[in-house]
Amino acid sequence: MDEQAEATQDSGIVRLDDVIEFSVEKRIRKRIFRTDDIVTELLCYEPGQGTPMHHHIKEDEVYYVLQGRGTFTVGERKFRCQPRGLYLVPKMVKHGIENDADERLVMIFFKKR
């Protein structure tokens, strides 16, 4: 996992507007919640930033777009992600995100630990 900031570890409430931040150098990734069973992380992309194609061996992931637009690749399919969109990525399926729009992109994802 690349550099990330802890938003919280044991609190059950996080106001997302308080933890969203951006960097011109690279995307920001912050862990929001982590329990014995689940991890929730926030992803913040400036235009032109992204996450390279990768996959996970053991866990499915669910992504929710909070703001902005971009291209979300899941396997061979490309989706134009948009606010309030919900996307499932099954384990072992390659996926990647590209903020190819002219606005910031903010997503949150959930996965089993």
C-alpha atoms as a PDB file:
ATOM      1  CA  MET A   1       0.000   0.000   0.000  1.00  0.00           C
ATOM      2  CA  ASP A   2       1.358   3.401  -0.874  1.00  0.00           C
ATOM      3  CA  GLU A   3       1.562   6.326   1.524  1.00  0.00           C
ATOM      4  CA  GLN A   4      -1.721   6.965   3.234  1.00  0.00           C
ATOM      5  CA  ALA A   5      -2.987   8.962   6.149  1.00  0.00           C
ATOM      6  CA  GLU A   6      -5.127   7.565   8.937  1.00  0.00           C
ATOM      7  CA  ALA A   7      -8.408   9.390   9.231  1.00  0.00           C
ATOM      8  CA  THR A   8      -9.507   7.301  12.191  1.00  0.00           C
ATOM      9  CA  GLN A   9      -9.011   3.839  13.641  1.00  0.00           C
ATOM     10  CA  ASP A  10     -11.608   3.318  16.303  1.00  0.00           C
ATOM     11  CA  SER A  11     -14.260   5.997  15.844  1.00  0.00           C
ATOM     12  CA  GLY A  12     -17.509   4.949  14.227  1.00  0.00           C
ATOM     13  CA  ILE A  13     -18.217   8.353  12.689  1.00  0.00           C
ATOM     14  CA  VAL A  14     -16.217  10.261  10.071  1.00  0.00           C
ATOM     15  CA  ARG A  15     -17.373  13.382   8.255  1.00  0.00           C
ATOM     16  CA  LEU A  16     -15.941  12.772   4.785  1.00  0.00           C
ATOM     17  CA  ASP A  17     -15.720  16.476   3.945  1.00  0.00           C
ATOM     18  CA  ASP A  18     -13.214  16.771   6.805  1.00  0.00           C
ATOM     19  CA  VAL A  19     -10.832  14.129   5.401  1.00  0.00           C
ATOM     20  CA  ILE A  20     -10.955  14.788   1.647  1.00  0.00           C
ATOM     21  CA  GLU A  21      -7.696  16.313   0.415  1.00  0.00           C
ATOM     22  CA  PHE A  22      -5.724  16.456  -2.808  1.00  0.00           C
ATOM     23  CA  SER A  23      -2.094  16.569  -3.907  1.00  0.00           C
ATOM     24  CA  VAL A  24      -0.737  17.594  -7.298  1.00  0.00           C
ATOM     25  CA  GLU A  25       2.067  15.018  -6.916  1.00  0.00           C
ATOM     26  CA  LYS A  26      -0.113  11.896  -6.698  1.00  0.00           C
ATOM     27  CA  ARG A  27      -3.481  10.620  -5.603  1.00  0.00           C
ATOM     28  CA  ILE A  28      -4.310  10.659  -1.914  1.00  0.00           C
ATOM     29  CA  ARG A  29      -5.377   7.419  -0.245  1.00  0.00           C
ATOM     30  CA  LYS A  30      -6.660   7.466   3.339  1.00  0.00           C
ATOM     31  CA  ARG A  31      -7.855   4.679   5.545  1.00  0.00           C
ATOM     32  CA  ILE A  32     -11.179   5.690   7.083  1.00  0.00           C
ATOM     33  CA  PHE A  33     -12.143   2.568   9.041  1.00  0.00           C
ATOM     34  CA  ARG A  34     -10.364  -0.672   9.830  1.00  0.00           C
ATOM     35  CA  THR A  35     -11.853  -3.428  11.913  1.00  0.00           C
ATOM     36  CA  ASP A  36     -11.138  -7.129  12.210  1.00  0.00           C
ATOM     37  CA  ASP A  37     -13.496  -7.690   9.271  1.00  0.00           C
ATOM     38  CA  ILE A  38     -13.566  -4.649   6.955  1.00  0.00           C
ATOM     39  CA  VAL A  39     -11.438  -1.817   5.582  1.00  0.00           C
ATOM     40  CA  THR A  40     -12.827   1.436   4.186  1.00  0.00           C
ATOM     41  CA  GLU A  41     -10.545   3.823   2.305  1.00  0.00           C
ATOM     42  CA  LEU A  42     -10.917   7.168   0.573  1.00  0.00           C
ATOM     43  CA  LEU A  43      -9.302   7.902  -2.805  1.00  0.00           C
ATOM     44  CA  CYS A  44      -8.812  11.493  -4.020  1.00  0.00           C
ATOM     45  CA  TYR A  45      -7.581  12.152  -7.568  1.00  0.00           C
ATOM     46  CA  GLU A  46      -6.608  15.367  -9.298  1.00  0.00           C
ATOM     47  CA  PRO A  47      -7.216  15.410 -13.073  1.00  0.00           C
ATOM     48  CA  GLY A  48      -4.701  13.138 -14.799  1.00  0.00           C
ATOM     49  CA  GLN A  49      -4.078  10.920 -11.755  1.00  0.00           C
ATOM     50  CA  GLY A  50      -5.104   7.308 -11.400  1.00  0.00           C
ATOM     51  CA  THR A  51      -4.579   3.862  -9.951  1.00  0.00           C
ATOM     52  CA  PRO A  52      -2.864   1.333 -12.242  1.00  0.00           C
ATOM     53  CA  MET A  53      -4.531  -1.947 -13.164  1.00  0.00           C
ATOM     54  CA  HIS A  54      -4.182  -4.522 -10.383  1.00  0.00           C
ATOM     55  CA  HIS A  55      -6.156  -7.315  -8.717  1.00  0.00           C
ATOM     56  CA  HIS A  56      -6.738  -8.804  -5.283  1.00  0.00           C
ATOM     57  CA  ILE A  57      -6.471 -12.499  -4.599  1.00  0.00           C
ATOM     58  CA  LYS A  58      -8.754 -12.789  -1.571  1.00  0.00           C
ATOM     59  CA  GLU A  59     -11.233  -9.926  -1.457  1.00  0.00           C
ATOM     60  CA  ASP A  60     -13.991  -8.323  -3.482  1.00  0.00           C
ATOM     61  CA  GLU A  61     -14.155  -4.528  -3.400  1.00  0.00           C
ATOM     62  CA  VAL A  62     -17.073  -2.126  -3.652  1.00  0.00           C
ATOM     63  CA  TYR A  63     -16.415   1.436  -4.843  1.00  0.00           C
ATOM     64  CA  TYR A  64     -18.710   4.435  -4.429  1.00  0.00           C
ATOM     65  CA  VAL A  65     -18.123   7.712  -6.276  1.00  0.00           C
ATOM     66  CA  LEU A  66     -18.635  10.766  -4.071  1.00  0.00           C
ATOM     67  CA  GLN A  67     -17.704  13.466  -6.567  1.00  0.00           C
ATOM     68  CA  GLY A  68     -16.235  13.882 -10.029  1.00  0.00           C
ATOM     69  CA  ARG A  69     -16.033  11.631 -13.055  1.00  0.00           C
ATOM     70  CA  GLY A  70     -13.457   9.293 -14.522  1.00  0.00           C
ATOM     71  CA  THR A  71     -12.907   5.953 -16.202  1.00  0.00           C
ATOM     72  CA  PHE A  72     -13.133   2.806 -14.097  1.00  0.00           C
ATOM     73  CA  THR A  73     -11.820  -0.326 -15.799  1.00  0.00           C
ATOM     74  CA  VAL A  74     -13.009  -3.661 -14.426  1.00  0.00           C
ATOM     75  CA  GLY A  75     -11.658  -6.618 -16.359  1.00  0.00           C
ATOM     76  CA  GLU A  76     -12.198  -5.850 -20.046  1.00  0.00           C
ATOM     77  CA  ARG A  77     -15.023  -3.370 -19.395  1.00  0.00           C
ATOM     78  CA  LYS A  78     -14.656   0.395 -19.060  1.00  0.00           C
ATOM     79  CA  PHE A  79     -17.224   2.382 -17.119  1.00  0.00           C
ATOM     80  CA  ARG A  80     -17.676   6.132 -17.052  1.00  0.00           C
ATOM     81  CA  CYS A  81     -17.916   6.572 -13.295  1.00  0.00           C
ATOM     82  CA  GLN A  82     -19.998   9.402 -11.938  1.00  0.00           C
ATOM     83  CA  PRO A  83     -21.274  10.672  -8.582  1.00  0.00           C
ATOM     84  CA  ARG A  84     -23.476   8.225  -6.695  1.00  0.00           C
ATOM     85  CA  GLY A  85     -22.281   5.333  -8.867  1.00  0.00           C
ATOM     86  CA  LEU A  86     -21.596   2.021  -7.106  1.00  0.00           C
ATOM     87  CA  TYR A  87     -19.163  -0.483  -8.626  1.00  0.00           C
ATOM     88  CA  LEU A  88     -18.360  -4.078  -7.637  1.00  0.00           C
ATOM     89  CA  VAL A  89     -14.937  -5.559  -8.369  1.00  0.00           C
ATOM     90  CA  PRO A  90     -14.822  -9.328  -7.731  1.00  0.00           C
ATOM     91  CA  LYS A  91     -11.619 -10.863  -6.407  1.00  0.00           C
ATOM     92  CA  MET A  92      -9.059 -11.852  -9.058  1.00  0.00           C
ATOM     93  CA  VAL A  93     -10.458  -9.307 -11.573  1.00  0.00           C
ATOM     94  CA  LYS A  94      -7.997  -6.647 -12.709  1.00  0.00           C
ATOM     95  CA  HIS A  95      -9.204  -3.099 -12.246  1.00  0.00           C
ATOM     96  CA  GLY A  96      -7.913   0.453 -12.424  1.00  0.00           C
ATOM     97  CA  ILE A  97      -9.097   4.041 -12.164  1.00  0.00           C
ATOM     98  CA  GLU A  98      -8.203   7.058 -14.262  1.00  0.00           C
ATOM     99  CA  ASN A  99      -9.311  10.603 -13.649  1.00  0.00           C
ATOM    100  CA  ASP A 100      -9.440  11.611 -17.286  1.00  0.00           C
ATOM    101  CA  ALA A 101     -11.886  14.456 -16.609  1.00  0.00           C
ATOM    102  CA  ASP A 102     -11.119  18.098 -15.899  1.00  0.00           C
ATOM    103  CA  GLU A 103     -12.450  17.921 -12.339  1.00  0.00           C
ATOM    104  CA  ARG A 104     -11.372  16.217  -9.125  1.00  0.00           C
ATOM    105  CA  LEU A 105     -12.518  12.648  -8.455  1.00  0.00           C
ATOM    106  CA  VAL A 106     -13.298  11.286  -4.974  1.00  0.00           C
ATOM    107  CA  MET A 107     -14.176   7.629  -4.327  1.00  0.00           C
ATOM    108  CA  ILE A 108     -14.538   5.465  -1.270  1.00  0.00           C
ATOM    109  CA  PHE A 109     -14.090   1.696  -1.260  1.00  0.00           C
ATOM    110  CA  PHE A 110     -14.902  -1.153   1.064  1.00  0.00           C
ATOM    111  CA  LYS A 111     -13.263  -4.564   1.266  1.00  0.00           C
ATOM    112  CA  LYS A 112     -13.044  -7.489   3.631  1.00  0.00           C
ATOM    113  CA  ARG A 113      -9.818  -7.785   5.572  1.00  0.00           C
END
